[in-house]
Amino acid sequence: MDPHDHLPLAPRDLLILAVLAEGPLHGYGLIKAVEARSQSGVLLDPANLYRVLRRMTGLGWIRAVEGPGDGRRRTYEIAPDGRTVLRAELTRLEHLLEQARPAVAGS
């Protein structure tokens, strides 16, 4: 998989991967963590979140782990391909910032 085929990431996708890189979370925990990380700039409703999680699972970026009991409470964790895509996007953004900084350095 070439991670650059998936760049640039939507801010929502970047934040979901970044939050999961710190450890597994269930859906509600992801909603709250993304909201906190983005200082309420990225708000996820449950239907949208689970659609994104299904897509990311299909791409192999994250894994769903069934909870104990009936398995309805899943947690999500980042997969190796997800870490690769996250690193590639962070590198891309860092490079972009390096290119833009001189424009405001003299202001």
PDB file of N, CA and C in Angstrom:
ATOM      1  N   MET A   1       0.844  -1.179   0.000  1.00  0.00           N
ATOM      2  CA  MET A   1       0.000   0.000   0.000  1.00  0.00           C
ATOM      3  C   MET A   1       0.888   1.240   0.000  1.00  0.00           C
ATOM      4  N   ASP A   2       0.599   2.148  -0.921  1.00  0.00           N
ATOM      5  CA  ASP A   2       1.292   3.429  -0.934  1.00  0.00           C
ATOM      6  C   ASP A   2       0.423   4.428  -0.183  1.00  0.00           C
ATOM      7  N   PRO A   3       0.876   4.888   0.993  1.00  0.00           N
ATOM      8  CA  PRO A   3       0.041   5.787   1.786  1.00  0.00           C
ATOM      9  C   PRO A   3      -0.266   7.093   1.067  1.00  0.00           C
ATOM     10  N   HIS A   4       0.601   7.504   0.161  1.00  0.00           N
ATOM     11  CA  HIS A   4       0.395   8.771  -0.536  1.00  0.00           C
ATOM     12  C   HIS A   4      -0.818   8.742  -1.457  1.00  0.00           C
ATOM     13  N   ASP A   5      -1.278   7.539  -1.804  1.00  0.00           N
ATOM     14  CA  ASP A   5      -2.488   7.417  -2.619  1.00  0.00           C
ATOM     15  C   ASP A   5      -3.721   7.914  -1.870  1.00  0.00           C
ATOM     16  N   HIS A   6      -3.635   8.025  -0.545  1.00  0.00           N
ATOM     17  CA  HIS A   6      -4.788   8.396   0.278  1.00  0.00           C
ATOM     18  C   HIS A   6      -4.694   9.816   0.824  1.00  0.00           C
ATOM     19  N   LEU A   7      -3.668  10.558   0.419  1.00  0.00           N
ATOM     20  CA  LEU A   7      -3.455  11.903   0.948  1.00  0.00           C
ATOM     21  C   LEU A   7      -3.981  12.945  -0.031  1.00  0.00           C
ATOM     22  N   PRO A   8      -4.395  14.094   0.453  1.00  0.00           N
ATOM     23  CA  PRO A   8      -4.453  14.504   1.848  1.00  0.00           C
ATOM     24  C   PRO A   8      -5.653  13.881   2.557  1.00  0.00           C
ATOM     25  N   LEU A   9      -5.506  13.709   3.857  1.00  0.00           N
ATOM     26  CA  LEU A   9      -6.599  13.193   4.674  1.00  0.00           C
ATOM     27  C   LEU A   9      -7.533  14.332   5.052  1.00  0.00           C
ATOM     28  N   ALA A  10      -8.793  14.003   5.204  1.00  0.00           N
ATOM     29  CA  ALA A  10      -9.739  14.957   5.781  1.00  0.00           C
ATOM     30  C   ALA A  10      -9.331  15.179   7.234  1.00  0.00           C
ATOM     31  N   PRO A  11      -9.518  16.393   7.763  1.00  0.00           N
ATOM     32  CA  PRO A  11      -9.166  16.635   9.168  1.00  0.00           C
ATOM     33  C   PRO A  11      -9.777  15.603  10.114  1.00  0.00           C
ATOM     34  N   ARG A  12     -11.008  15.208   9.847  1.00  0.00           N
ATOM     35  CA  ARG A  12     -11.690  14.212  10.673  1.00  0.00           C
ATOM     36  C   ARG A  12     -10.915  12.904  10.682  1.00  0.00           C
ATOM     37  N   ASP A  13     -10.473  12.448   9.510  1.00  0.00           N
ATOM     38  CA  ASP A  13      -9.740  11.186   9.410  1.00  0.00           C
ATOM     39  C   ASP A  13      -8.388  11.280  10.113  1.00  0.00           C
ATOM     40  N   LEU A  14      -7.706  12.403   9.918  1.00  0.00           N
ATOM     41  CA  LEU A  14      -6.419  12.622  10.580  1.00  0.00           C
ATOM     42  C   LEU A  14      -6.574  12.541  12.092  1.00  0.00           C
ATOM     43  N   LEU A  15      -7.584  13.211  12.620  1.00  0.00           N
ATOM     44  CA  LEU A  15      -7.776  13.225  14.072  1.00  0.00           C
ATOM     45  C   LEU A  15      -8.182  11.861  14.608  1.00  0.00           C
ATOM     46  N   ILE A  16      -9.010  11.133  13.888  1.00  0.00           N
ATOM     47  CA  ILE A  16      -9.388   9.788  14.337  1.00  0.00           C
ATOM     48  C   ILE A  16      -8.152   8.903  14.417  1.00  0.00           C
ATOM     49  N   LEU A  17      -7.319   8.924  13.381  1.00  0.00           N
ATOM     50  CA  LEU A  17      -6.098   8.111  13.407  1.00  0.00           C
ATOM     51  C   LEU A  17      -5.153   8.567  14.518  1.00  0.00           C
ATOM     52  N   ALA A  18      -5.014   9.874  14.701  1.00  0.00           N
ATOM     53  CA  ALA A  18      -4.117  10.389  15.740  1.00  0.00           C
ATOM     54  C   ALA A  18      -4.584   9.976  17.131  1.00  0.00           C
ATOM     55  N   VAL A  19      -5.874  10.054  17.371  1.00  0.00           N
ATOM     56  CA  VAL A  19      -6.421   9.661  18.674  1.00  0.00           C
ATOM     57  C   VAL A  19      -6.225   8.164  18.891  1.00  0.00           C
ATOM     58  N   LEU A  20      -6.492   7.356  17.868  1.00  0.00           N
ATOM     59  CA  LEU A  20      -6.332   5.905  18.015  1.00  0.00           C
ATOM     60  C   LEU A  20      -4.866   5.500  18.125  1.00  0.00           C
ATOM     61  N   ALA A  21      -3.952   6.321  17.622  1.00  0.00           N
ATOM     62  CA  ALA A  21      -2.519   6.025  17.769  1.00  0.00           C
ATOM     63  C   ALA A  21      -2.108   6.064  19.237  1.00  0.00           C
ATOM     64  N   GLU A  22      -2.891   6.749  20.063  1.00  0.00           N
ATOM     65  CA  GLU A  22      -2.608   6.823  21.501  1.00  0.00           C
ATOM     66  C   GLU A  22      -3.202   5.658  22.273  1.00  0.00           C
ATOM     67  N   GLY A  23      -4.112   4.915  21.650  1.00  0.00           N
ATOM     68  CA  GLY A  23      -4.707   3.763  22.315  1.00  0.00           C
ATOM     69  C   GLY A  23      -6.122   3.514  21.840  1.00  0.00           C
ATOM     70  N   PRO A  24      -6.610   2.290  22.030  1.00  0.00           N
ATOM     71  CA  PRO A  24      -7.952   1.924  21.563  1.00  0.00           C
ATOM     72  C   PRO A  24      -9.044   2.702  22.293  1.00  0.00           C
ATOM     73  N   LEU A  25     -10.133   2.936  21.580  1.00  0.00           N
ATOM     74  CA  LEU A  25     -11.294   3.617  22.151  1.00  0.00           C
ATOM     75  C   LEU A  25     -12.567   3.045  21.538  1.00  0.00           C
ATOM     76  N   HIS A  26     -13.667   3.198  22.245  1.00  0.00           N
ATOM     77  CA  HIS A  26     -14.976   2.863  21.688  1.00  0.00           C
ATOM     78  C   HIS A  26     -15.515   4.112  20.981  1.00  0.00           C
ATOM     79  N   GLY A  27     -16.613   3.964  20.277  1.00  0.00           N
ATOM     80  CA  GLY A  27     -17.145   5.051  19.463  1.00  0.00           C
ATOM     81  C   GLY A  27     -17.375   6.348  20.207  1.00  0.00           C
ATOM     82  N   TYR A  28     -18.059   6.280  21.356  1.00  0.00           N
ATOM     83  CA  TYR A  28     -18.341   7.503  22.104  1.00  0.00           C
ATOM     84  C   TYR A  28     -17.043   8.154  22.575  1.00  0.00           C
ATOM     85  N   GLY A  29     -16.086   7.343  22.994  1.00  0.00           N
ATOM     86  CA  GLY A  29     -14.790   7.878  23.405  1.00  0.00           C
ATOM     87  C   GLY A  29     -14.085   8.579  22.262  1.00  0.00           C
ATOM     88  N   LEU A  30     -14.212   8.031  21.055  1.00  0.00           N
ATOM     89  CA  LEU A  30     -13.624   8.671  19.873  1.00  0.00           C
ATOM     90  C   LEU A  30     -14.275  10.018  19.594  1.00  0.00           C
ATOM     91  N   ILE A  31     -15.591  10.063  19.674  1.00  0.00           N
ATOM     92  CA  ILE A  31     -16.301  11.326  19.439  1.00  0.00           C
ATOM     93  C   ILE A  31     -15.784  12.390  20.395  1.00  0.00           C
ATOM     94  N   LYS A  32     -15.693  12.051  21.669  1.00  0.00           N
ATOM     95  CA  LYS A  32     -15.247  13.012  22.679  1.00  0.00           C
ATOM     96  C   LYS A  32     -13.777  13.384  22.498  1.00  0.00           C
ATOM     97  N   ALA A  33     -12.929  12.409  22.179  1.00  0.00           N
ATOM     98  CA  ALA A  33     -11.496  12.679  22.026  1.00  0.00           C
ATOM     99  C   ALA A  33     -11.224  13.559  20.806  1.00  0.00           C
ATOM    100  N   VAL A  34     -11.911  13.301  19.701  1.00  0.00           N
ATOM    101  CA  VAL A  34     -11.729  14.124  18.501  1.00  0.00           C
ATOM    102  C   VAL A  34     -12.225  15.540  18.760  1.00  0.00           C
ATOM    103  N   GLU A  35     -13.354  15.658  19.430  1.00  0.00           N
ATOM    104  CA  GLU A  35     -13.883  16.974  19.766  1.00  0.00           C
ATOM    105  C   GLU A  35     -12.897  17.739  20.648  1.00  0.00           C
ATOM    106  N   ALA A  36     -12.349  17.083  21.652  1.00  0.00           N
ATOM    107  CA  ALA A  36     -11.393  17.742  22.549  1.00  0.00           C
ATOM    108  C   ALA A  36     -10.108  18.105  21.815  1.00  0.00           C
ATOM    109  N   ARG A  37      -9.580  17.183  21.023  1.00  0.00           N
ATOM    110  CA  ARG A  37      -8.324  17.415  20.308  1.00  0.00           C
ATOM    111  C   ARG A  37      -8.454  18.583  19.337  1.00  0.00           C
ATOM    112  N   SER A  38      -9.626  18.707  18.719  1.00  0.00           N
ATOM    113  CA  SER A  38      -9.830  19.763  17.723  1.00  0.00           C
ATOM    114  C   SER A  38     -10.390  21.039  18.347  1.00  0.00           C
ATOM    115  N   GLN A  39     -10.503  21.066  19.666  1.00  0.00           N
ATOM    116  CA  GLN A  39     -11.097  22.195  20.383  1.00  0.00           C
ATOM    117  C   GLN A  39     -12.468  22.531  19.793  1.00  0.00           C
ATOM    118  N   SER A  40     -13.248  21.490  19.598  1.00  0.00           N
ATOM    119  CA  SER A  40     -14.613  21.543  19.053  1.00  0.00           C
ATOM    120  C   SER A  40     -14.662  21.986  17.597  1.00  0.00           C
ATOM    121  N   GLY A  41     -13.529  21.944  16.899  1.00  0.00           N
ATOM    122  CA  GLY A  41     -13.506  22.292  15.478  1.00  0.00           C
ATOM    123  C   GLY A  41     -13.995  21.165  14.586  1.00  0.00           C
ATOM    124  N   VAL A  42     -13.877  19.928  15.058  1.00  0.00           N
ATOM    125  CA  VAL A  42     -14.365  18.767  14.312  1.00  0.00           C
ATOM    126  C   VAL A  42     -15.360  18.051  15.210  1.00  0.00           C
ATOM    127  N   LEU A  43     -16.623  18.101  14.807  1.00  0.00           N
ATOM    128  CA  LEU A  43     -17.682  17.459  15.576  1.00  0.00           C
ATOM    129  C   LEU A  43     -18.195  16.262  14.787  1.00  0.00           C
ATOM    130  N   LEU A  44     -18.312  15.149  15.452  1.00  0.00           N
ATOM    131  CA  LEU A  44     -18.775  13.915  14.813  1.00  0.00           C
ATOM    132  C   LEU A  44     -20.089  13.479  15.433  1.00  0.00           C
ATOM    133  N   ASP A  45     -21.073  13.208  14.586  1.00  0.00           N
ATOM    134  CA  ASP A  45     -22.277  12.579  15.113  1.00  0.00           C
ATOM    135  C   ASP A  45     -22.080  11.072  14.968  1.00  0.00           C
ATOM    136  N   PRO A  46     -22.770  10.280  15.775  1.00  0.00           N
ATOM    137  CA  PRO A  46     -22.544   8.831  15.754  1.00  0.00           C
ATOM    138  C   PRO A  46     -22.701   8.194  14.373  1.00  0.00           C
ATOM    139  N   ALA A  47     -23.716   8.575  13.617  1.00  0.00           N
ATOM    140  CA  ALA A  47     -23.921   7.954  12.303  1.00  0.00           C
ATOM    141  C   ALA A  47     -22.731   8.221  11.384  1.00  0.00           C
ATOM    142  N   ASN A  48     -22.248   9.455  11.372  1.00  0.00           N
ATOM    143  CA  ASN A  48     -21.100   9.810  10.541  1.00  0.00           C
ATOM    144  C   ASN A  48     -19.846   9.085  11.025  1.00  0.00           C
ATOM    145  N   LEU A  49     -19.644   9.037  12.331  1.00  0.00           N
ATOM    146  CA  LEU A  49     -18.461   8.363  12.871  1.00  0.00           C
ATOM    147  C   LEU A  49     -18.432   6.902  12.442  1.00  0.00           C
ATOM    148  N   TYR A  50     -19.528   6.196  12.609  1.00  0.00           N
ATOM    149  CA  TYR A  50     -19.522   4.765  12.297  1.00  0.00           C
ATOM    150  C   TYR A  50     -19.377   4.507  10.798  1.00  0.00           C
ATOM    151  N   ARG A  51     -19.856   5.424   9.963  1.00  0.00           N
ATOM    152  CA  ARG A  51     -19.622   5.310   8.522  1.00  0.00           C
ATOM    153  C   ARG A  51     -18.126   5.443   8.228  1.00  0.00           C
ATOM    154  N   VAL A  52     -17.471   6.417   8.863  1.00  0.00           N
ATOM    155  CA  VAL A  52     -16.025   6.620   8.677  1.00  0.00           C
ATOM    156  C   VAL A  52     -15.247   5.419   9.223  1.00  0.00           C
ATOM    157  N   LEU A  53     -15.652   4.900  10.376  1.00  0.00           N
ATOM    158  CA  LEU A  53     -14.960   3.744  10.954  1.00  0.00           C
ATOM    159  C   LEU A  53     -15.079   2.518  10.050  1.00  0.00           C
ATOM    160  N   ARG A  54     -16.246   2.311   9.446  1.00  0.00           N
ATOM    161  CA  ARG A  54     -16.403   1.188   8.502  1.00  0.00           C
ATOM    162  C   ARG A  54     -15.470   1.359   7.304  1.00  0.00           C
ATOM    163  N   ARG A  55     -15.379   2.584   6.791  1.00  0.00           N
ATOM    164  CA  ARG A  55     -14.490   2.840   5.650  1.00  0.00           C
ATOM    165  C   ARG A  55     -13.037   2.599   6.035  1.00  0.00           C
ATOM    166  N   MET A  56     -12.628   3.111   7.196  1.00  0.00           N
ATOM    167  CA  MET A  56     -11.242   2.935   7.642  1.00  0.00           C
ATOM    168  C   MET A  56     -10.929   1.469   7.932  1.00  0.00           C
ATOM    169  N   THR A  57     -11.904   0.743   8.440  1.00  0.00           N
ATOM    170  CA  THR A  57     -11.715  -0.692   8.669  1.00  0.00           C
ATOM    171  C   THR A  57     -11.533  -1.403   7.331  1.00  0.00           C
ATOM    172  N   GLY A  58     -12.350  -1.040   6.351  1.00  0.00           N
ATOM    173  CA  GLY A  58     -12.240  -1.628   5.021  1.00  0.00           C
ATOM    174  C   GLY A  58     -10.902  -1.342   4.349  1.00  0.00           C
ATOM    175  N   LEU A  59     -10.336  -0.178   4.639  1.00  0.00           N
ATOM    176  CA  LEU A  59      -9.024   0.182   4.084  1.00  0.00           C
ATOM    177  C   LEU A  59      -7.871  -0.482   4.837  1.00  0.00           C
ATOM    178  N   GLY A  60      -8.194  -1.082   5.993  1.00  0.00           N
ATOM    179  CA  GLY A  60      -7.150  -1.717   6.795  1.00  0.00           C
ATOM    180  C   GLY A  60      -6.396  -0.749   7.685  1.00  0.00           C
ATOM    181  N   TRP A  61      -6.951   0.449   7.907  1.00  0.00           N
ATOM    182  CA  TRP A  61      -6.282   1.454   8.744  1.00  0.00           C
ATOM    183  C   TRP A  61      -6.559   1.241  10.224  1.00  0.00           C
ATOM    184  N   ILE A  62      -7.721   0.679  10.531  1.00  0.00           N
ATOM    185  CA  ILE A  62      -8.084   0.418  11.921  1.00  0.00           C
ATOM    186  C   ILE A  62      -8.681  -0.978  12.014  1.00  0.00           C
ATOM    187  N   ARG A  63      -8.787  -1.462  13.245  1.00  0.00           N
ATOM    188  CA  ARG A  63      -9.422  -2.758  13.517  1.00  0.00           C
ATOM    189  C   ARG A  63     -10.497  -2.544  14.575  1.00  0.00           C
ATOM    190  N   ALA A  64     -11.600  -3.258  14.408  1.00  0.00           N
ATOM    191  CA  ALA A  64     -12.651  -3.274  15.420  1.00  0.00           C
ATOM    192  C   ALA A  64     -12.422  -4.494  16.297  1.00  0.00           C
ATOM    193  N   VAL A  65     -12.440  -4.290  17.596  1.00  0.00           N
ATOM    194  CA  VAL A  65     -12.243  -5.377  18.553  1.00  0.00           C
ATOM    195  C   VAL A  65     -13.544  -5.543  19.324  1.00  0.00           C
ATOM    196  N   GLU A  66     -14.119  -6.743  19.238  1.00  0.00           N
ATOM    197  CA  GLU A  66     -15.385  -7.020  19.919  1.00  0.00           C
ATOM    198  C   GLU A  66     -15.193  -6.972  21.424  1.00  0.00           C
ATOM    199  N   GLY A  67     -16.156  -6.372  22.098  1.00  0.00           N
ATOM    200  CA  GLY A  67     -16.112  -6.318  23.549  1.00  0.00           C
ATOM    201  C   GLY A  67     -16.597  -7.612  24.164  1.00  0.00           C
ATOM    202  N   PRO A  68     -16.444  -7.743  25.463  1.00  0.00           N
ATOM    203  CA  PRO A  68     -16.923  -8.946  26.137  1.00  0.00           C
ATOM    204  C   PRO A  68     -18.456  -9.016  26.107  1.00  0.00           C
ATOM    205  N   GLY A  69     -18.973 -10.186  26.310  1.00  0.00           N
ATOM    206  CA  GLY A  69     -20.428 -10.358  26.332  1.00  0.00           C
ATOM    207  C   GLY A  69     -20.977 -10.523  24.932  1.00  0.00           C
ATOM    208  N   ASP A  70     -21.973  -9.711  24.608  1.00  0.00           N
ATOM    209  CA  ASP A  70     -22.638  -9.870  23.312  1.00  0.00           C
ATOM    210  C   ASP A  70     -21.869  -9.231  22.158  1.00  0.00           C
ATOM    211  N   GLY A  71     -20.772  -8.549  22.429  1.00  0.00           N
ATOM    212  CA  GLY A  71     -19.934  -7.986  21.378  1.00  0.00           C
ATOM    213  C   GLY A  71     -20.462  -6.714  20.747  1.00  0.00           C
ATOM    214  N   ARG A  72     -21.502  -6.128  21.344  1.00  0.00           N
ATOM    215  CA  ARG A  72     -22.047  -4.908  20.755  1.00  0.00           C
ATOM    216  C   ARG A  72     -21.162  -3.701  21.032  1.00  0.00           C
ATOM    217  N   ARG A  73     -20.427  -3.720  22.111  1.00  0.00           N
ATOM    218  CA  ARG A  73     -19.565  -2.581  22.428  1.00  0.00           C
ATOM    219  C   ARG A  73     -18.169  -2.875  21.883  1.00  0.00           C
ATOM    220  N   ARG A  74     -17.895  -2.309  20.749  1.00  0.00           N
ATOM    221  CA  ARG A  74     -16.602  -2.514  20.096  1.00  0.00           C
ATOM    222  C   ARG A  74     -15.648  -1.391  20.472  1.00  0.00           C
ATOM    223  N   THR A  75     -14.395  -1.747  20.505  1.00  0.00           N
ATOM    224  CA  THR A  75     -13.369  -0.720  20.568  1.00  0.00           C
ATOM    225  C   THR A  75     -12.630  -0.751  19.240  1.00  0.00           C
ATOM    226  N   TYR A  76     -11.995   0.341  18.940  1.00  0.00           N
ATOM    227  CA  TYR A  76     -11.266   0.475  17.681  1.00  0.00           C
ATOM    228  C   TYR A  76      -9.817   0.778  17.997  1.00  0.00           C
ATOM    229  N   GLU A  77      -8.931   0.174  17.207  1.00  0.00           N
ATOM    230  CA  GLU A  77      -7.500   0.402  17.388  1.00  0.00           C
ATOM    231  C   GLU A  77      -6.869   0.642  16.029  1.00  0.00           C
ATOM    232  N   ILE A  78      -5.782   1.395  16.029  1.00  0.00           N
ATOM    233  CA  ILE A  78      -5.092   1.683  14.776  1.00  0.00           C
ATOM    234  C   ILE A  78      -4.325   0.442  14.333  1.00  0.00           C
ATOM    235  N   ALA A  79      -4.321   0.201  13.038  1.00  0.00           N
ATOM    236  CA  ALA A  79      -3.587  -0.920  12.438  1.00  0.00           C
ATOM    237  C   ALA A  79      -2.281  -0.381  11.843  1.00  0.00           C
ATOM    238  N   PRO A  80      -1.342  -1.257  11.531  1.00  0.00           N
ATOM    239  CA  PRO A  80      -0.069  -0.789  10.960  1.00  0.00           C
ATOM    240  C   PRO A  80      -0.242   0.109   9.728  1.00  0.00           C
ATOM    241  N   ASP A  81      -1.159  -0.236   8.821  1.00  0.00           N
ATOM    242  CA  ASP A  81      -1.375   0.625   7.651  1.00  0.00           C
ATOM    243  C   ASP A  81      -1.910   1.995   8.061  1.00  0.00           C
ATOM    244  N   GLY A  82      -2.708   2.044   9.110  1.00  0.00           N
ATOM    245  CA  GLY A  82      -3.203   3.321   9.611  1.00  0.00           C
ATOM    246  C   GLY A  82      -2.078   4.187  10.153  1.00  0.00           C
ATOM    247  N   ARG A  83      -1.141   3.563  10.872  1.00  0.00           N
ATOM    248  CA  ARG A  83       0.030   4.316  11.361  1.00  0.00           C
ATOM    249  C   ARG A  83       0.863   4.848  10.202  1.00  0.00           C
ATOM    250  N   THR A  84       0.998   4.042   9.158  1.00  0.00           N
ATOM    251  CA  THR A  84       1.768   4.461   7.988  1.00  0.00           C
ATOM    252  C   THR A  84       1.117   5.669   7.317  1.00  0.00           C
ATOM    253  N   VAL A  85      -0.198   5.623   7.142  1.00  0.00           N
ATOM    254  CA  VAL A  85      -0.922   6.738   6.530  1.00  0.00           C
ATOM    255  C   VAL A  85      -0.837   7.972   7.426  1.00  0.00           C
ATOM    256  N   LEU A  86      -0.982   7.787   8.729  1.00  0.00           N
ATOM    257  CA  LEU A  86      -0.894   8.908   9.667  1.00  0.00           C
ATOM    258  C   LEU A  86       0.480   9.566   9.583  1.00  0.00           C
ATOM    259  N   ARG A  87       1.537   8.770   9.603  1.00  0.00           N
ATOM    260  CA  ARG A  87       2.899   9.325   9.504  1.00  0.00           C
ATOM    261  C   ARG A  87       3.092  10.087   8.194  1.00  0.00           C
ATOM    262  N   ALA A  88       2.605   9.511   7.101  1.00  0.00           N
ATOM    263  CA  ALA A  88       2.750  10.165   5.797  1.00  0.00           C
ATOM    264  C   ALA A  88       2.014  11.500   5.765  1.00  0.00           C
ATOM    265  N   GLU A  89       0.826  11.548   6.342  1.00  0.00           N
ATOM    266  CA  GLU A  89       0.061  12.800   6.363  1.00  0.00           C
ATOM    267  C   GLU A  89       0.740  13.831   7.256  1.00  0.00           C
ATOM    268  N   LEU A  90       1.247  13.422   8.401  1.00  0.00           N
ATOM    269  CA  LEU A  90       1.938  14.368   9.279  1.00  0.00           C
ATOM    270  C   LEU A  90       3.196  14.917   8.609  1.00  0.00           C
ATOM    271  N   THR A  91       3.919  14.072   7.908  1.00  0.00           N
ATOM    272  CA  THR A  91       5.101  14.523   7.169  1.00  0.00           C
ATOM    273  C   THR A  91       4.699  15.515   6.083  1.00  0.00           C
ATOM    274  N   ARG A  92       3.617  15.217   5.370  1.00  0.00           N
ATOM    275  CA  ARG A  92       3.132  16.118   4.321  1.00  0.00           C
ATOM    276  C   ARG A  92       2.756  17.476   4.900  1.00  0.00           C
ATOM    277  N   LEU A  93       2.061  17.472   6.028  1.00  0.00           N
ATOM    278  CA  LEU A  93       1.647  18.725   6.660  1.00  0.00           C
ATOM    279  C   LEU A  93       2.845  19.510   7.191  1.00  0.00           C
ATOM    280  N   GLU A  94       3.824  18.820   7.778  1.00  0.00           N
ATOM    281  CA  GLU A  94       5.029  19.501   8.266  1.00  0.00           C
ATOM    282  C   GLU A  94       5.764  20.177   7.112  1.00  0.00           C
ATOM    283  N   HIS A  95       5.871  19.486   5.987  1.00  0.00           N
ATOM    284  CA  HIS A  95       6.532  20.059   4.813  1.00  0.00           C
ATOM    285  C   HIS A  95       5.765  21.287   4.313  1.00  0.00           C
ATOM    286  N   LEU A  96       4.449  21.194   4.286  1.00  0.00           N
ATOM    287  CA  LEU A  96       3.618  22.309   3.856  1.00  0.00           C
ATOM    288  C   LEU A  96       3.817  23.520   4.766  1.00  0.00           C
ATOM    289  N   LEU A  97       3.870  23.286   6.074  1.00  0.00           N
ATOM    290  CA  LEU A  97       4.107  24.383   7.019  1.00  0.00           C
ATOM    291  C   LEU A  97       5.480  25.014   6.812  1.00  0.00           C
ATOM    292  N   GLU A  98       6.488  24.193   6.568  1.00  0.00           N
ATOM    293  CA  GLU A  98       7.834  24.718   6.311  1.00  0.00           C
ATOM    294  C   GLU A  98       7.829  25.634   5.095  1.00  0.00           C
ATOM    295  N   GLN A  99       7.058  25.271   4.080  1.00  0.00           N
ATOM    296  CA  GLN A  99       6.985  26.083   2.870  1.00  0.00           C
ATOM    297  C   GLN A  99       6.218  27.385   3.103  1.00  0.00           C
ATOM    298  N   ALA A 100       5.252  27.375   3.998  1.00  0.00           N
ATOM    299  CA  ALA A 100       4.407  28.545   4.229  1.00  0.00           C
ATOM    300  C   ALA A 100       4.990  29.524   5.245  1.00  0.00           C
ATOM    301  N   ARG A 101       5.798  29.051   6.176  1.00  0.00           N
ATOM    302  CA  ARG A 101       6.309  29.919   7.244  1.00  0.00           C
ATOM    303  C   ARG A 101       7.048  31.158   6.751  1.00  0.00           C
ATOM    304  N   PRO A 102       7.910  31.063   5.746  1.00  0.00           N
ATOM    305  CA  PRO A 102       8.623  32.269   5.308  1.00  0.00           C
ATOM    306  C   PRO A 102       7.690  33.408   4.891  1.00  0.00           C
ATOM    307  N   ALA A 103       6.501  33.081   4.446  1.00  0.00           N
ATOM    308  CA  ALA A 103       5.561  34.109   4.006  1.00  0.00           C
ATOM    309  C   ALA A 103       5.101  35.001   5.148  1.00  0.00           C
ATOM    310  N   VAL A 104       5.104  34.485   6.364  1.00  0.00           N
ATOM    311  CA  VAL A 104       4.642  35.284   7.505  1.00  0.00           C
ATOM    312  C   VAL A 104       5.777  35.646   8.457  1.00  0.00           C
ATOM    313  N   ALA A 105       6.974  35.165   8.188  1.00  0.00           N
ATOM    314  CA  ALA A 105       8.101  35.412   9.091  1.00  0.00           C
ATOM    315  C   ALA A 105       8.430  36.893   9.190  1.00  0.00           C
ATOM    316  N   GLY A 106       8.273  37.622   8.126  1.00  0.00           N
ATOM    317  CA  GLY A 106       8.617  39.038   8.143  1.00  0.00           C
ATOM    318  C   GLY A 106       7.471  39.949   8.527  1.00  0.00           C
ATOM    319  N   SER A 107       6.310  39.395   8.816  1.00  0.00           N
ATOM    320  CA  SER A 107       5.136  40.227   9.133  1.00  0.00           C
ATOM    321  C   SER A 107       5.217  40.819  10.503  1.00  0.00           C
TER     322      SER A 107
END
